[in-house]
């Protein structure tokens, strides 16, 4: 189990997380979440309509697939995913992949829940 601490003011109290929301409670334009993915796991291909995404690898290795292309990354690293692009995050193992993603919300038309 990982314990996370707020890096923003006005955030809910520190809590133990396996996967959980890290969004500042006062934010209307961003959403973020800590994710811990087991070896062999993946998010599944999905599209973040109307919002950009930043994935920040904290620990482990990842394969990031976007629009038919893939890159191998190892923490610490980050990758930008443009709005409307189909993408998938995979953990090739052998250890857990830990990352935070941050999405910029479209303020006039809030998108559905993110799939990570």
N, C-alpha and C. Protein backbone atom coordinates (compact mmCIF):
# COMPACT_ATOMS: atom_id res chain seq x y z
N UNK A 1 0.85 -1.18 0.00
CA UNK A 1 0.00 0.00 0.00
C UNK A 1 0.89 1.23 0.00
N UNK A 2 0.50 2.24 -0.77
CA UNK A 2 1.23 3.49 -0.88
C UNK A 2 0.47 4.57 -0.12
N UNK A 3 1.17 5.39 0.60
CA UNK A 3 0.54 6.52 1.26
C UNK A 3 0.87 7.76 0.44
N UNK A 4 -0.15 8.52 0.08
CA UNK A 4 0.07 9.73 -0.70
C UNK A 4 -0.14 10.95 0.17
N UNK A 5 0.53 12.00 -0.17
CA UNK A 5 0.40 13.26 0.54
C UNK A 5 0.01 14.34 -0.45
N UNK A 6 -0.77 15.28 0.01
CA UNK A 6 -1.21 16.38 -0.83
C UNK A 6 -0.03 17.19 -1.32
N UNK A 7 -0.04 17.51 -2.61
CA UNK A 7 0.93 18.46 -3.14
C UNK A 7 0.24 19.77 -3.48
N UNK A 8 -1.06 19.83 -3.21
CA UNK A 8 -1.84 21.05 -3.43
C UNK A 8 -2.47 21.47 -2.12
N UNK A 9 -2.71 22.74 -1.97
CA UNK A 9 -3.47 23.23 -0.82
C UNK A 9 -4.94 22.86 -1.03
N UNK A 10 -5.71 22.87 0.03
CA UNK A 10 -7.15 22.61 -0.03
C UNK A 10 -7.49 21.21 -0.54
N UNK A 11 -6.70 20.24 -0.20
CA UNK A 11 -6.95 18.88 -0.65
C UNK A 11 -7.38 18.02 0.52
N UNK A 12 -8.10 16.99 0.23
CA UNK A 12 -8.53 16.07 1.28
C UNK A 12 -7.31 15.52 2.02
N UNK A 13 -7.54 14.98 3.20
CA UNK A 13 -6.44 14.50 4.04
C UNK A 13 -5.67 13.37 3.39
N UNK A 14 -4.44 13.18 3.84
CA UNK A 14 -3.59 12.09 3.37
C UNK A 14 -4.32 10.77 3.58
N UNK A 15 -4.20 9.90 2.60
CA UNK A 15 -4.89 8.61 2.71
C UNK A 15 -4.07 7.51 2.04
N UNK A 16 -4.17 6.28 2.56
CA UNK A 16 -3.50 5.18 1.88
C UNK A 16 -4.27 4.85 0.59
N UNK A 17 -3.55 4.70 -0.52
CA UNK A 17 -4.20 4.46 -1.81
C UNK A 17 -3.56 3.31 -2.55
N UNK A 18 -4.36 2.52 -3.20
CA UNK A 18 -3.85 1.62 -4.23
C UNK A 18 -4.12 2.31 -5.56
N UNK A 19 -5.31 2.84 -5.71
CA UNK A 19 -5.68 3.71 -6.81
C UNK A 19 -6.64 4.71 -6.21
N UNK A 20 -6.47 5.98 -6.47
CA UNK A 20 -7.39 6.95 -5.89
C UNK A 20 -7.21 8.34 -6.43
N UNK A 21 -8.22 9.17 -6.22
CA UNK A 21 -8.26 10.54 -6.71
C UNK A 21 -7.33 11.43 -5.91
N UNK A 22 -6.64 12.32 -6.59
CA UNK A 22 -5.75 13.30 -5.97
C UNK A 22 -6.14 14.72 -6.36
N UNK A 23 -7.33 14.91 -6.87
CA UNK A 23 -7.74 16.21 -7.39
C UNK A 23 -7.98 17.20 -6.26
N UNK A 24 -7.43 18.41 -6.40
CA UNK A 24 -7.72 19.43 -5.39
C UNK A 24 -9.22 19.69 -5.33
N UNK A 25 -9.75 19.79 -4.14
CA UNK A 25 -11.20 19.94 -4.01
C UNK A 25 -11.71 21.26 -4.57
N UNK A 26 -10.84 22.25 -4.75
CA UNK A 26 -11.27 23.54 -5.29
C UNK A 26 -11.13 23.62 -6.80
N UNK A 27 -10.62 22.58 -7.46
CA UNK A 27 -10.36 22.65 -8.89
C UNK A 27 -11.60 22.36 -9.72
N UNK A 28 -11.79 23.18 -10.75
CA UNK A 28 -12.87 22.97 -11.71
C UNK A 28 -12.30 22.63 -13.07
N UNK A 29 -10.97 22.68 -13.22
CA UNK A 29 -10.37 22.52 -14.54
C UNK A 29 -9.37 21.36 -14.65
N UNK A 30 -9.04 20.73 -13.55
CA UNK A 30 -8.14 19.57 -13.63
C UNK A 30 -8.66 18.43 -12.77
N UNK A 31 -8.27 17.24 -13.15
CA UNK A 31 -8.54 16.04 -12.37
C UNK A 31 -7.27 15.21 -12.41
N UNK A 32 -6.92 14.60 -11.30
CA UNK A 32 -5.75 13.74 -11.29
C UNK A 32 -6.03 12.51 -10.44
N UNK A 33 -5.25 11.48 -10.69
CA UNK A 33 -5.43 10.24 -9.95
C UNK A 33 -4.10 9.50 -9.89
N UNK A 34 -3.88 8.88 -8.73
CA UNK A 34 -2.74 7.98 -8.54
C UNK A 34 -3.19 6.59 -8.97
N UNK A 35 -2.36 5.88 -9.72
CA UNK A 35 -2.69 4.54 -10.18
C UNK A 35 -1.53 3.61 -9.86
N UNK A 36 -1.85 2.44 -9.33
CA UNK A 36 -0.87 1.38 -9.14
C UNK A 36 -1.35 0.19 -9.96
N UNK A 37 -0.56 -0.19 -10.96
CA UNK A 37 -0.95 -1.24 -11.90
C UNK A 37 -0.05 -2.46 -11.73
N UNK A 38 -0.65 -3.62 -11.59
CA UNK A 38 0.10 -4.86 -11.46
C UNK A 38 0.80 -5.22 -12.77
N UNK A 39 1.89 -6.02 -12.70
CA UNK A 39 2.55 -6.47 -13.92
C UNK A 39 1.55 -7.16 -14.85
N UNK A 40 1.64 -6.85 -16.13
CA UNK A 40 0.72 -7.42 -17.11
C UNK A 40 -0.58 -6.64 -17.25
N UNK A 41 -0.81 -5.66 -16.38
CA UNK A 41 -2.04 -4.88 -16.43
C UNK A 41 -2.01 -3.82 -17.51
N UNK A 42 -3.18 -3.31 -17.84
CA UNK A 42 -3.30 -2.21 -18.79
C UNK A 42 -4.61 -1.49 -18.58
N UNK A 43 -4.67 -0.24 -19.06
CA UNK A 43 -5.90 0.53 -18.93
C UNK A 43 -6.92 0.11 -19.97
N UNK A 44 -6.45 -0.39 -21.09
CA UNK A 44 -7.33 -0.66 -22.23
C UNK A 44 -7.39 0.61 -23.08
N UNK A 45 -7.50 0.43 -24.37
CA UNK A 45 -7.53 1.58 -25.27
C UNK A 45 -8.76 2.44 -24.97
N UNK A 46 -8.55 3.74 -24.87
CA UNK A 46 -9.65 4.67 -24.61
C UNK A 46 -9.26 6.05 -25.11
N UNK A 47 -10.25 6.92 -25.21
CA UNK A 47 -10.05 8.28 -25.70
C UNK A 47 -10.48 9.26 -24.62
N UNK A 48 -9.67 10.26 -24.37
CA UNK A 48 -10.05 11.34 -23.46
C UNK A 48 -10.56 12.50 -24.32
N UNK A 49 -11.86 12.51 -24.55
CA UNK A 49 -12.48 13.54 -25.38
C UNK A 49 -12.40 14.89 -24.69
N UNK A 50 -12.07 15.92 -25.44
CA UNK A 50 -12.07 17.30 -24.97
C UNK A 50 -11.11 17.59 -23.83
N UNK A 51 -10.07 16.77 -23.64
CA UNK A 51 -9.14 17.09 -22.56
C UNK A 51 -7.75 16.51 -22.84
N UNK A 52 -6.77 17.30 -22.47
CA UNK A 52 -5.39 16.88 -22.57
C UNK A 52 -5.03 16.07 -21.33
N UNK A 53 -4.00 15.25 -21.45
CA UNK A 53 -3.60 14.41 -20.32
C UNK A 53 -2.08 14.38 -20.19
N UNK A 54 -1.62 14.40 -18.96
CA UNK A 54 -0.21 14.24 -18.66
C UNK A 54 -0.08 13.03 -17.75
N UNK A 55 0.75 12.07 -18.14
CA UNK A 55 1.00 10.86 -17.35
C UNK A 55 2.41 10.97 -16.79
N UNK A 56 2.53 10.86 -15.46
CA UNK A 56 3.81 11.00 -14.79
C UNK A 56 4.16 9.67 -14.13
N UNK A 57 5.16 8.99 -14.66
CA UNK A 57 5.57 7.70 -14.11
C UNK A 57 6.41 7.93 -12.86
N UNK A 58 6.00 7.29 -11.77
CA UNK A 58 6.70 7.42 -10.49
C UNK A 58 7.63 6.25 -10.24
N UNK A 59 7.20 5.06 -10.66
CA UNK A 59 7.98 3.84 -10.41
C UNK A 59 7.57 2.77 -11.40
N UNK A 60 8.54 2.06 -11.94
CA UNK A 60 8.27 0.95 -12.84
C UNK A 60 8.46 1.30 -14.30
N UNK A 61 8.01 0.38 -15.15
CA UNK A 61 8.13 0.51 -16.60
C UNK A 61 6.73 0.55 -17.20
N UNK A 62 6.60 1.25 -18.34
CA UNK A 62 5.31 1.35 -19.01
C UNK A 62 5.50 1.31 -20.52
N UNK A 63 4.50 0.79 -21.19
CA UNK A 63 4.38 0.92 -22.63
C UNK A 63 3.19 1.84 -22.84
N UNK A 64 3.43 2.96 -23.50
CA UNK A 64 2.37 3.91 -23.79
C UNK A 64 2.04 3.78 -25.27
N UNK A 65 0.80 3.43 -25.56
CA UNK A 65 0.34 3.31 -26.94
C UNK A 65 -0.57 4.49 -27.25
N UNK A 66 -0.32 5.13 -28.40
CA UNK A 66 -1.17 6.25 -28.82
C UNK A 66 -1.32 6.20 -30.34
N UNK A 67 -2.59 6.10 -30.77
CA UNK A 67 -2.90 6.15 -32.19
C UNK A 67 -2.02 5.20 -33.01
N UNK A 68 -1.86 3.96 -32.53
CA UNK A 68 -1.12 2.94 -33.28
C UNK A 68 0.39 2.95 -33.09
N UNK A 69 0.92 3.90 -32.34
CA UNK A 69 2.36 3.96 -32.06
C UNK A 69 2.57 3.64 -30.59
N UNK A 70 3.75 3.12 -30.25
CA UNK A 70 4.03 2.83 -28.84
C UNK A 70 5.45 3.27 -28.48
N UNK A 71 5.60 3.63 -27.20
CA UNK A 71 6.92 3.95 -26.67
C UNK A 71 7.09 3.24 -25.33
N UNK A 72 8.31 2.83 -25.05
CA UNK A 72 8.66 2.23 -23.78
C UNK A 72 9.24 3.31 -22.88
N UNK A 73 8.74 3.40 -21.67
CA UNK A 73 9.23 4.39 -20.71
C UNK A 73 9.57 3.71 -19.39
N UNK A 74 10.50 4.30 -18.67
CA UNK A 74 10.84 3.84 -17.33
C UNK A 74 10.88 5.05 -16.41
N UNK A 75 10.29 4.91 -15.23
CA UNK A 75 10.25 6.01 -14.26
C UNK A 75 11.65 6.39 -13.83
N UNK A 76 11.88 7.66 -13.58
CA UNK A 76 10.93 8.77 -13.67
C UNK A 76 10.82 9.26 -15.11
N UNK A 77 9.59 9.49 -15.56
CA UNK A 77 9.34 9.97 -16.92
C UNK A 77 7.92 10.51 -16.98
N UNK A 78 7.65 11.25 -18.03
CA UNK A 78 6.29 11.72 -18.25
C UNK A 78 5.99 11.72 -19.74
N UNK A 79 4.70 11.70 -20.06
CA UNK A 79 4.28 11.72 -21.45
C UNK A 79 3.00 12.54 -21.57
N UNK A 80 2.91 13.35 -22.61
CA UNK A 80 1.74 14.17 -22.89
C UNK A 80 0.86 13.44 -23.91
N UNK A 81 -0.45 13.43 -23.67
CA UNK A 81 -1.40 12.82 -24.60
C UNK A 81 -2.42 13.90 -24.97
N UNK A 82 -2.50 14.21 -26.25
CA UNK A 82 -3.41 15.26 -26.72
C UNK A 82 -4.86 14.83 -26.60
N UNK A 83 -5.74 15.81 -26.49
CA UNK A 83 -7.18 15.55 -26.41
C UNK A 83 -7.64 14.79 -27.65
N UNK A 84 -8.54 13.84 -27.45
CA UNK A 84 -9.12 13.10 -28.56
C UNK A 84 -8.27 11.99 -29.12
N UNK A 85 -7.14 11.70 -28.54
CA UNK A 85 -6.25 10.64 -29.03
C UNK A 85 -6.50 9.33 -28.30
N UNK A 86 -6.69 8.26 -29.05
CA UNK A 86 -6.84 6.95 -28.42
C UNK A 86 -5.50 6.54 -27.83
N UNK A 87 -5.53 6.03 -26.59
CA UNK A 87 -4.29 5.63 -25.94
C UNK A 87 -4.54 4.49 -24.95
N UNK A 88 -3.45 3.85 -24.57
CA UNK A 88 -3.46 2.72 -23.65
C UNK A 88 -2.16 2.76 -22.87
N UNK A 89 -2.22 2.39 -21.61
CA UNK A 89 -1.02 2.29 -20.78
C UNK A 89 -0.91 0.85 -20.30
N UNK A 90 0.24 0.25 -20.53
CA UNK A 90 0.48 -1.15 -20.16
C UNK A 90 1.66 -1.24 -19.21
N UNK A 91 1.61 -2.21 -18.32
CA UNK A 91 2.75 -2.52 -17.45
C UNK A 91 3.37 -3.83 -17.93
N UNK A 92 4.55 -3.77 -18.58
CA UNK A 92 5.18 -5.00 -19.05
C UNK A 92 5.86 -5.79 -17.93
N UNK A 93 5.85 -5.25 -16.69
CA UNK A 93 6.43 -5.95 -15.54
C UNK A 93 7.92 -5.73 -15.45
N UNK A 94 8.57 -6.37 -14.53
CA UNK A 94 8.08 -7.42 -13.62
C UNK A 94 7.53 -6.87 -12.30
N UNK A 95 7.59 -5.56 -12.09
CA UNK A 95 7.13 -4.98 -10.82
C UNK A 95 5.93 -4.07 -11.07
N UNK A 96 5.24 -3.66 -10.00
CA UNK A 96 4.11 -2.75 -10.18
C UNK A 96 4.53 -1.44 -10.86
N UNK A 97 3.61 -0.89 -11.64
CA UNK A 97 3.78 0.42 -12.25
C UNK A 97 2.99 1.41 -11.41
N UNK A 98 3.64 2.49 -11.00
CA UNK A 98 2.97 3.52 -10.21
C UNK A 98 3.07 4.83 -10.98
N UNK A 99 1.91 5.46 -11.18
CA UNK A 99 1.91 6.73 -11.91
C UNK A 99 0.76 7.61 -11.47
N UNK A 100 0.88 8.87 -11.83
CA UNK A 100 -0.19 9.86 -11.62
C UNK A 100 -0.54 10.39 -12.99
N UNK A 101 -1.83 10.52 -13.26
CA UNK A 101 -2.22 11.22 -14.48
C UNK A 101 -3.00 12.47 -14.09
N UNK A 102 -2.84 13.49 -14.92
CA UNK A 102 -3.53 14.76 -14.72
C UNK A 102 -4.23 15.08 -16.03
N UNK A 103 -5.54 15.34 -15.95
CA UNK A 103 -6.29 15.71 -17.15
C UNK A 103 -6.85 17.12 -16.98
N UNK A 104 -6.82 17.87 -18.06
CA UNK A 104 -7.40 19.21 -18.09
C UNK A 104 -8.84 19.06 -18.56
N UNK A 105 -9.78 19.48 -17.75
CA UNK A 105 -11.19 19.31 -18.06
C UNK A 105 -11.70 20.42 -18.97
N UNK A 106 -12.62 20.06 -19.84
CA UNK A 106 -13.30 21.04 -20.67
C UNK A 106 -14.38 21.66 -19.80
N UNK A 107 -14.24 22.90 -19.45
CA UNK A 107 -15.07 23.53 -18.43
C UNK A 107 -16.55 23.62 -18.81
N UNK A 108 -16.88 23.79 -20.10
CA UNK A 108 -18.27 23.95 -20.50
C UNK A 108 -19.02 22.64 -20.67
N UNK A 109 -18.30 21.55 -20.86
CA UNK A 109 -18.93 20.26 -21.10
C UNK A 109 -18.13 19.19 -20.39
N UNK A 110 -18.33 19.00 -19.07
CA UNK A 110 -17.52 18.02 -18.33
C UNK A 110 -17.59 16.64 -18.96
N UNK A 111 -16.45 16.00 -19.16
CA UNK A 111 -16.40 14.68 -19.79
C UNK A 111 -16.81 13.58 -18.81
N UNK A 112 -17.09 12.39 -19.34
CA UNK A 112 -17.38 11.26 -18.46
C UNK A 112 -16.15 10.85 -17.67
N UNK A 113 -16.35 9.99 -16.70
CA UNK A 113 -15.25 9.52 -15.85
C UNK A 113 -14.14 8.92 -16.69
N UNK A 114 -12.90 9.12 -16.23
CA UNK A 114 -11.72 8.60 -16.94
C UNK A 114 -11.55 7.13 -16.65
N UNK A 115 -10.95 6.38 -17.57
CA UNK A 115 -10.89 4.93 -17.48
C UNK A 115 -9.72 4.36 -16.70
N UNK A 116 -8.70 5.11 -16.37
CA UNK A 116 -7.49 4.54 -15.72
C UNK A 116 -7.82 3.74 -14.51
